[in-house]
């Protein structure tokens, strides 16, 4: 990993290492949880340590981080998140808001922990 910006956030639920993290209650706090949908407000990826509810978890907000693959990944692919907080290839669909984790820096298979350029962003593809 070559993180550029790391910040610790309180975990609102247990969170595993190398997962996409989201803000869990954006109107009341900056606590985080594992992202579970491509529409979640992704903030970054967790570091190498797990966190229990109420613990502080390091989140890589930008730079090169590691994330778990949820399927086949090709180098250079833009990534979003699956239901388990794993990275999957983003395929924007008309009329759907989608959050991005960043760009894959190497190919990976499901279950692999691989390098990603962390660039949290959102995309909306109109009809």
N, C-alpha and C. Protein backbone atom coordinates (compact mmCIF):
# COMPACT_ATOMS: atom_id res chain seq x y z
N UNK A 1 0.84 -1.18 0.00
CA UNK A 1 0.00 0.00 0.00
C UNK A 1 0.88 1.24 0.00
N UNK A 2 0.42 2.27 -0.69
CA UNK A 2 1.06 3.58 -0.67
C UNK A 2 -0.04 4.60 -0.46
N UNK A 3 -0.57 4.64 0.75
CA UNK A 3 -1.67 5.58 1.00
C UNK A 3 -1.17 7.01 1.03
N UNK A 4 -1.95 7.90 0.49
CA UNK A 4 -1.64 9.32 0.53
C UNK A 4 -2.35 9.98 1.69
N UNK A 5 -3.58 9.58 1.93
CA UNK A 5 -4.40 10.17 2.98
C UNK A 5 -5.16 9.08 3.70
N UNK A 6 -4.87 8.93 5.00
CA UNK A 6 -5.56 7.96 5.84
C UNK A 6 -6.20 8.73 6.99
N UNK A 7 -7.43 8.33 7.34
CA UNK A 7 -8.08 8.95 8.49
C UNK A 7 -8.79 7.85 9.27
N UNK A 8 -8.80 7.98 10.57
CA UNK A 8 -9.51 7.02 11.42
C UNK A 8 -10.94 7.51 11.63
N UNK A 9 -11.89 6.59 11.47
CA UNK A 9 -13.30 6.86 11.70
C UNK A 9 -13.82 5.82 12.69
N UNK A 10 -14.83 6.18 13.47
CA UNK A 10 -15.46 5.23 14.36
C UNK A 10 -16.34 4.28 13.55
N UNK A 11 -16.23 2.99 13.86
CA UNK A 11 -17.03 1.99 13.16
C UNK A 11 -18.40 1.86 13.82
N UNK A 12 -19.46 1.98 13.04
CA UNK A 12 -20.82 1.82 13.57
C UNK A 12 -21.23 0.35 13.61
N UNK A 13 -20.44 -0.50 12.97
CA UNK A 13 -20.61 -1.95 12.96
C UNK A 13 -19.24 -2.56 12.71
N UNK A 14 -19.08 -3.82 13.02
CA UNK A 14 -17.79 -4.48 12.77
C UNK A 14 -17.44 -4.35 11.29
N UNK A 15 -16.17 -4.10 11.04
CA UNK A 15 -15.71 -3.93 9.65
C UNK A 15 -14.40 -4.68 9.47
N UNK A 16 -14.31 -5.45 8.39
CA UNK A 16 -13.15 -6.29 8.11
C UNK A 16 -12.08 -5.49 7.36
N UNK A 17 -10.86 -6.00 7.32
CA UNK A 17 -9.81 -5.36 6.54
C UNK A 17 -10.08 -5.46 5.03
N UNK A 18 -9.52 -4.53 4.30
CA UNK A 18 -9.53 -4.54 2.83
C UNK A 18 -10.94 -4.54 2.24
N UNK A 19 -11.83 -3.74 2.81
CA UNK A 19 -13.20 -3.62 2.32
C UNK A 19 -13.49 -2.16 1.97
N UNK A 20 -14.47 -1.95 1.12
CA UNK A 20 -14.95 -0.60 0.83
C UNK A 20 -15.72 -0.12 2.05
N UNK A 21 -15.48 1.13 2.45
CA UNK A 21 -16.16 1.70 3.61
C UNK A 21 -17.09 2.81 3.16
N UNK A 22 -18.22 2.92 3.86
CA UNK A 22 -19.20 3.96 3.57
C UNK A 22 -19.50 4.72 4.85
N UNK A 23 -20.03 5.92 4.72
CA UNK A 23 -20.58 6.61 5.86
C UNK A 23 -21.90 5.93 6.18
N UNK A 24 -22.11 5.56 7.45
CA UNK A 24 -23.29 4.79 7.79
C UNK A 24 -24.51 5.63 8.14
N UNK A 25 -24.30 6.86 8.58
CA UNK A 25 -25.43 7.73 8.92
C UNK A 25 -25.00 9.17 8.64
N UNK A 26 -25.08 9.56 7.39
CA UNK A 26 -24.51 10.83 6.96
C UNK A 26 -25.16 12.05 7.59
N UNK A 27 -26.37 11.93 8.07
CA UNK A 27 -27.03 13.10 8.67
C UNK A 27 -26.72 13.27 10.15
N UNK A 28 -26.22 12.21 10.82
CA UNK A 28 -26.01 12.29 12.26
C UNK A 28 -24.56 12.12 12.71
N UNK A 29 -23.70 11.55 11.85
CA UNK A 29 -22.32 11.31 12.29
C UNK A 29 -21.42 11.05 11.08
N UNK A 30 -20.15 10.84 11.36
CA UNK A 30 -19.22 10.43 10.31
C UNK A 30 -18.74 9.01 10.58
N UNK A 31 -19.56 8.20 11.26
CA UNK A 31 -19.22 6.81 11.50
C UNK A 31 -19.25 6.06 10.18
N UNK A 32 -18.48 4.95 10.15
CA UNK A 32 -18.40 4.16 8.94
C UNK A 32 -18.88 2.73 9.17
N UNK A 33 -19.20 2.06 8.08
CA UNK A 33 -19.55 0.64 8.05
C UNK A 33 -19.09 0.09 6.71
N UNK A 34 -19.19 -1.21 6.56
CA UNK A 34 -18.86 -1.82 5.28
C UNK A 34 -19.89 -1.40 4.23
N UNK A 35 -19.42 -0.92 3.10
CA UNK A 35 -20.33 -0.60 2.00
C UNK A 35 -20.96 -1.89 1.51
N UNK A 36 -22.24 -1.83 1.10
CA UNK A 36 -22.92 -3.04 0.69
C UNK A 36 -23.74 -2.90 -0.58
N UNK A 37 -23.56 -1.78 -1.28
CA UNK A 37 -24.28 -1.58 -2.54
C UNK A 37 -23.52 -0.56 -3.37
N UNK A 38 -23.68 -0.62 -4.68
CA UNK A 38 -22.97 0.32 -5.54
C UNK A 38 -23.52 1.74 -5.44
N UNK A 39 -24.58 1.93 -4.66
CA UNK A 39 -25.15 3.27 -4.46
C UNK A 39 -24.76 3.85 -3.11
N UNK A 40 -24.03 3.09 -2.27
CA UNK A 40 -23.61 3.59 -0.96
C UNK A 40 -22.61 4.73 -1.11
N UNK A 41 -22.61 5.68 -0.15
CA UNK A 41 -21.64 6.78 -0.19
C UNK A 41 -20.24 6.31 0.23
N UNK A 42 -19.52 5.70 -0.70
CA UNK A 42 -18.19 5.15 -0.42
C UNK A 42 -17.22 6.28 -0.09
N UNK A 43 -16.45 6.07 0.99
CA UNK A 43 -15.47 7.07 1.41
C UNK A 43 -14.04 6.63 1.14
N UNK A 44 -13.81 5.32 1.08
CA UNK A 44 -12.47 4.79 0.84
C UNK A 44 -12.44 3.30 1.12
N UNK A 45 -11.24 2.77 1.42
CA UNK A 45 -11.08 1.35 1.73
C UNK A 45 -10.39 1.21 3.07
N UNK A 46 -10.78 0.17 3.81
CA UNK A 46 -10.19 -0.06 5.13
C UNK A 46 -8.77 -0.59 4.98
N UNK A 47 -7.98 -0.36 6.02
CA UNK A 47 -6.60 -0.84 6.04
C UNK A 47 -6.53 -2.32 6.39
N UNK A 48 -5.41 -2.74 6.94
CA UNK A 48 -5.14 -4.15 7.18
C UNK A 48 -5.68 -4.68 8.50
N UNK A 49 -6.32 -3.82 9.30
CA UNK A 49 -6.84 -4.25 10.60
C UNK A 49 -8.35 -4.18 10.64
N UNK A 50 -8.97 -5.20 11.25
CA UNK A 50 -10.41 -5.19 11.45
C UNK A 50 -10.76 -4.24 12.59
N UNK A 51 -12.00 -3.81 12.66
CA UNK A 51 -12.47 -2.96 13.75
C UNK A 51 -13.83 -3.47 14.22
N UNK A 52 -14.02 -3.51 15.54
CA UNK A 52 -15.30 -3.88 16.12
C UNK A 52 -16.17 -2.63 16.22
N UNK A 53 -17.44 -2.82 16.48
CA UNK A 53 -18.36 -1.70 16.67
C UNK A 53 -17.80 -0.77 17.75
N UNK A 54 -17.72 0.51 17.44
CA UNK A 54 -17.22 1.51 18.37
C UNK A 54 -15.72 1.74 18.31
N UNK A 55 -14.98 0.84 17.68
CA UNK A 55 -13.54 1.01 17.52
C UNK A 55 -13.25 2.00 16.39
N UNK A 56 -12.04 2.49 16.38
CA UNK A 56 -11.59 3.35 15.29
C UNK A 56 -11.00 2.48 14.18
N UNK A 57 -11.35 2.78 12.95
CA UNK A 57 -10.86 2.03 11.79
C UNK A 57 -10.15 2.99 10.85
N UNK A 58 -8.95 2.60 10.42
CA UNK A 58 -8.23 3.40 9.43
C UNK A 58 -8.87 3.21 8.06
N UNK A 59 -9.10 4.32 7.36
CA UNK A 59 -9.67 4.29 6.03
C UNK A 59 -8.74 5.07 5.10
N UNK A 60 -8.35 4.43 4.02
CA UNK A 60 -7.53 5.09 3.00
C UNK A 60 -8.48 5.89 2.13
N UNK A 61 -8.34 7.22 2.19
CA UNK A 61 -9.22 8.11 1.45
C UNK A 61 -8.70 8.40 0.04
N UNK A 62 -7.39 8.31 -0.14
CA UNK A 62 -6.79 8.47 -1.46
C UNK A 62 -5.40 7.85 -1.44
N UNK A 63 -4.93 7.48 -2.61
CA UNK A 63 -3.63 6.83 -2.73
C UNK A 63 -3.81 5.42 -3.22
N UNK A 64 -2.81 4.59 -2.99
CA UNK A 64 -2.88 3.19 -3.39
C UNK A 64 -3.19 2.35 -2.16
N UNK A 65 -4.29 1.63 -2.23
CA UNK A 65 -4.70 0.77 -1.13
C UNK A 65 -4.95 -0.63 -1.62
N UNK A 66 -5.32 -1.49 -0.70
CA UNK A 66 -5.65 -2.86 -1.02
C UNK A 66 -7.13 -3.10 -0.73
N UNK A 67 -7.78 -3.89 -1.58
CA UNK A 67 -9.19 -4.21 -1.39
C UNK A 67 -9.41 -5.64 -1.87
N UNK A 68 -10.44 -6.28 -1.34
CA UNK A 68 -10.77 -7.64 -1.73
C UNK A 68 -11.64 -7.63 -2.99
N UNK A 69 -11.31 -8.50 -3.93
CA UNK A 69 -12.08 -8.60 -5.18
C UNK A 69 -13.33 -9.43 -4.96
N UNK A 70 -14.45 -8.97 -5.52
CA UNK A 70 -15.70 -9.71 -5.46
C UNK A 70 -15.98 -10.49 -6.73
N UNK A 71 -15.08 -10.44 -7.68
CA UNK A 71 -15.23 -11.13 -8.96
C UNK A 71 -13.98 -10.90 -9.77
N UNK A 72 -14.02 -11.28 -11.03
CA UNK A 72 -12.87 -11.08 -11.92
C UNK A 72 -12.68 -9.58 -12.17
N UNK A 73 -11.45 -9.13 -12.00
CA UNK A 73 -11.09 -7.71 -12.18
C UNK A 73 -9.98 -7.63 -13.21
N UNK A 74 -10.07 -6.67 -14.11
CA UNK A 74 -8.99 -6.42 -15.06
C UNK A 74 -8.27 -5.14 -14.65
N UNK A 75 -6.98 -5.09 -14.91
CA UNK A 75 -6.20 -3.90 -14.61
C UNK A 75 -6.80 -2.71 -15.35
N UNK A 76 -6.95 -1.61 -14.67
CA UNK A 76 -7.48 -0.39 -15.26
C UNK A 76 -8.98 -0.23 -15.12
N UNK A 77 -9.68 -1.26 -14.68
CA UNK A 77 -11.14 -1.19 -14.55
C UNK A 77 -11.54 -0.22 -13.44
N UNK A 78 -12.62 0.52 -13.67
CA UNK A 78 -13.22 1.33 -12.62
C UNK A 78 -14.01 0.38 -11.73
N UNK A 79 -13.96 0.63 -10.42
CA UNK A 79 -14.52 -0.31 -9.46
C UNK A 79 -15.63 0.30 -8.63
N UNK A 80 -16.62 -0.52 -8.33
CA UNK A 80 -17.68 -0.18 -7.38
C UNK A 80 -17.69 -1.30 -6.35
N UNK A 81 -18.77 -1.43 -5.61
CA UNK A 81 -18.80 -2.35 -4.47
C UNK A 81 -19.95 -3.34 -4.58
N UNK A 82 -19.73 -4.57 -4.08
CA UNK A 82 -20.80 -5.56 -4.03
C UNK A 82 -21.43 -5.58 -2.63
N UNK A 83 -22.32 -6.52 -2.38
CA UNK A 83 -23.06 -6.58 -1.11
C UNK A 83 -22.18 -6.91 0.09
N UNK A 84 -20.94 -7.38 -0.15
CA UNK A 84 -20.03 -7.74 0.94
C UNK A 84 -18.91 -6.72 1.15
N UNK A 85 -18.97 -5.60 0.44
CA UNK A 85 -17.92 -4.60 0.57
C UNK A 85 -16.70 -4.88 -0.27
N UNK A 86 -16.82 -5.84 -1.17
CA UNK A 86 -15.71 -6.18 -2.07
C UNK A 86 -15.79 -5.34 -3.34
N UNK A 87 -14.66 -5.20 -4.01
CA UNK A 87 -14.60 -4.45 -5.26
C UNK A 87 -15.07 -5.30 -6.42
N UNK A 88 -15.90 -4.71 -7.27
CA UNK A 88 -16.32 -5.34 -8.51
C UNK A 88 -16.22 -4.30 -9.63
N UNK A 89 -16.19 -4.77 -10.87
CA UNK A 89 -16.11 -3.86 -12.01
C UNK A 89 -17.40 -3.05 -12.09
N UNK A 90 -17.26 -1.75 -12.23
CA UNK A 90 -18.41 -0.85 -12.33
C UNK A 90 -18.95 -0.87 -13.76
N UNK A 91 -20.24 -1.09 -13.88
CA UNK A 91 -20.92 -1.05 -15.17
C UNK A 91 -22.10 -0.09 -15.03
N UNK A 92 -21.89 1.19 -15.33
CA UNK A 92 -22.96 2.18 -15.17
C UNK A 92 -24.20 1.82 -15.98
N UNK A 93 -25.35 1.99 -15.37
CA UNK A 93 -26.63 1.70 -15.98
C UNK A 93 -27.44 2.98 -16.08
N UNK A 94 -28.16 3.16 -17.14
CA UNK A 94 -28.98 4.37 -17.34
C UNK A 94 -29.92 4.58 -16.16
N UNK A 95 -29.93 5.80 -15.66
CA UNK A 95 -30.84 6.18 -14.58
C UNK A 95 -30.42 5.74 -13.20
N UNK A 96 -29.18 5.23 -13.05
CA UNK A 96 -28.72 4.73 -11.76
C UNK A 96 -27.53 5.55 -11.26
N UNK A 97 -27.62 6.00 -10.01
CA UNK A 97 -26.51 6.65 -9.32
C UNK A 97 -25.57 5.55 -8.87
N UNK A 98 -24.28 5.70 -9.10
CA UNK A 98 -23.31 4.67 -8.71
C UNK A 98 -22.10 5.31 -8.06
N UNK A 99 -21.65 4.72 -6.96
CA UNK A 99 -20.42 5.15 -6.30
C UNK A 99 -19.25 4.33 -6.84
N UNK A 100 -18.10 4.97 -6.92
CA UNK A 100 -16.87 4.30 -7.33
C UNK A 100 -15.89 4.25 -6.17
N UNK A 101 -15.12 3.17 -6.10
CA UNK A 101 -14.01 3.07 -5.16
C UNK A 101 -12.78 3.69 -5.78
N UNK A 102 -12.51 3.34 -7.03
CA UNK A 102 -11.32 3.81 -7.73
C UNK A 102 -11.02 2.94 -8.93
N UNK A 103 -9.73 2.85 -9.28
CA UNK A 103 -9.30 2.12 -10.48
C UNK A 103 -8.37 0.97 -10.09
N UNK A 104 -8.62 -0.21 -10.66
CA UNK A 104 -7.78 -1.38 -10.40
C UNK A 104 -6.39 -1.17 -10.98
N UNK A 105 -5.37 -1.47 -10.19
CA UNK A 105 -3.99 -1.33 -10.66
C UNK A 105 -3.38 -2.65 -11.10
N UNK A 106 -4.16 -3.72 -10.96
CA UNK A 106 -3.72 -5.05 -11.38
C UNK A 106 -4.94 -5.94 -11.53
N UNK A 107 -4.82 -7.03 -12.28
CA UNK A 107 -5.94 -7.96 -12.39
C UNK A 107 -6.09 -8.75 -11.10
N UNK A 108 -7.30 -9.26 -10.86
CA UNK A 108 -7.56 -10.06 -9.66
C UNK A 108 -8.72 -11.01 -9.92
N UNK A 109 -8.77 -12.07 -9.14
CA UNK A 109 -9.89 -13.02 -9.16
C UNK A 109 -10.66 -12.87 -7.85
N UNK A 110 -11.87 -13.37 -7.81
CA UNK A 110 -12.70 -13.28 -6.61
C UNK A 110 -11.93 -13.78 -5.39
N UNK A 111 -11.95 -12.98 -4.33
CA UNK A 111 -11.27 -13.33 -3.09
C UNK A 111 -9.86 -12.81 -2.97
N UNK A 112 -9.25 -12.41 -4.08
CA UNK A 112 -7.90 -11.84 -4.03
C UNK A 112 -7.92 -10.48 -3.37
N UNK A 113 -6.86 -10.15 -2.65
CA UNK A 113 -6.63 -8.79 -2.16
C UNK A 113 -5.67 -8.16 -3.15
N UNK A 114 -6.08 -7.05 -3.76
CA UNK A 114 -5.30 -6.47 -4.85
C UNK A 114 -5.19 -4.95 -4.71
N UNK A 115 -4.30 -4.36 -5.49
CA UNK A 115 -4.03 -2.92 -5.43
C UNK A 115 -5.05 -2.12 -6.22
N UNK A 116 -5.46 -1.01 -5.61
CA UNK A 116 -6.41 -0.11 -6.25
C UNK A 116 -5.96 1.33 -6.01
N UNK A 117 -6.11 2.16 -7.02
CA UNK A 117 -5.91 3.59 -6.85
C UNK A 117 -7.22 4.12 -6.29
N UNK A 118 -7.21 4.50 -5.02
CA UNK A 118 -8.43 4.91 -4.34
C UNK A 118 -8.82 6.32 -4.80
N UNK A 119 -9.98 6.40 -5.45
CA UNK A 119 -10.53 7.66 -5.96
C UNK A 119 -12.04 7.63 -5.72
N UNK A 120 -12.49 7.81 -4.49
CA UNK A 120 -13.93 7.75 -4.26
C UNK A 120 -14.65 8.83 -5.09
N UNK A 121 -15.69 8.42 -5.77
CA UNK A 121 -16.44 9.34 -6.63
C UNK A 121 -17.83 8.77 -6.83
N UNK A 122 -18.67 9.54 -7.48
CA UNK A 122 -20.03 9.10 -7.81
C UNK A 122 -20.30 9.43 -9.27
N UNK A 123 -21.21 8.67 -9.86
CA UNK A 123 -21.52 8.83 -11.26
C UNK A 123 -23.01 8.62 -11.45
N UNK A 124 -23.61 9.42 -12.27
CA UNK A 124 -25.01 9.22 -12.64
C UNK A 124 -25.09 9.21 -14.14
N UNK A 125 -25.61 8.13 -14.70
CA UNK A 125 -25.77 8.04 -16.15
C UNK A 125 -27.24 8.29 -16.46
N UNK A 126 -27.50 9.35 -17.17
CA UNK A 126 -28.87 9.68 -17.56
C UNK A 126 -29.42 8.68 -18.55
N UNK A 127 -30.67 8.85 -18.89
CA UNK A 127 -31.32 7.91 -19.80
C UNK A 127 -30.84 8.07 -21.22
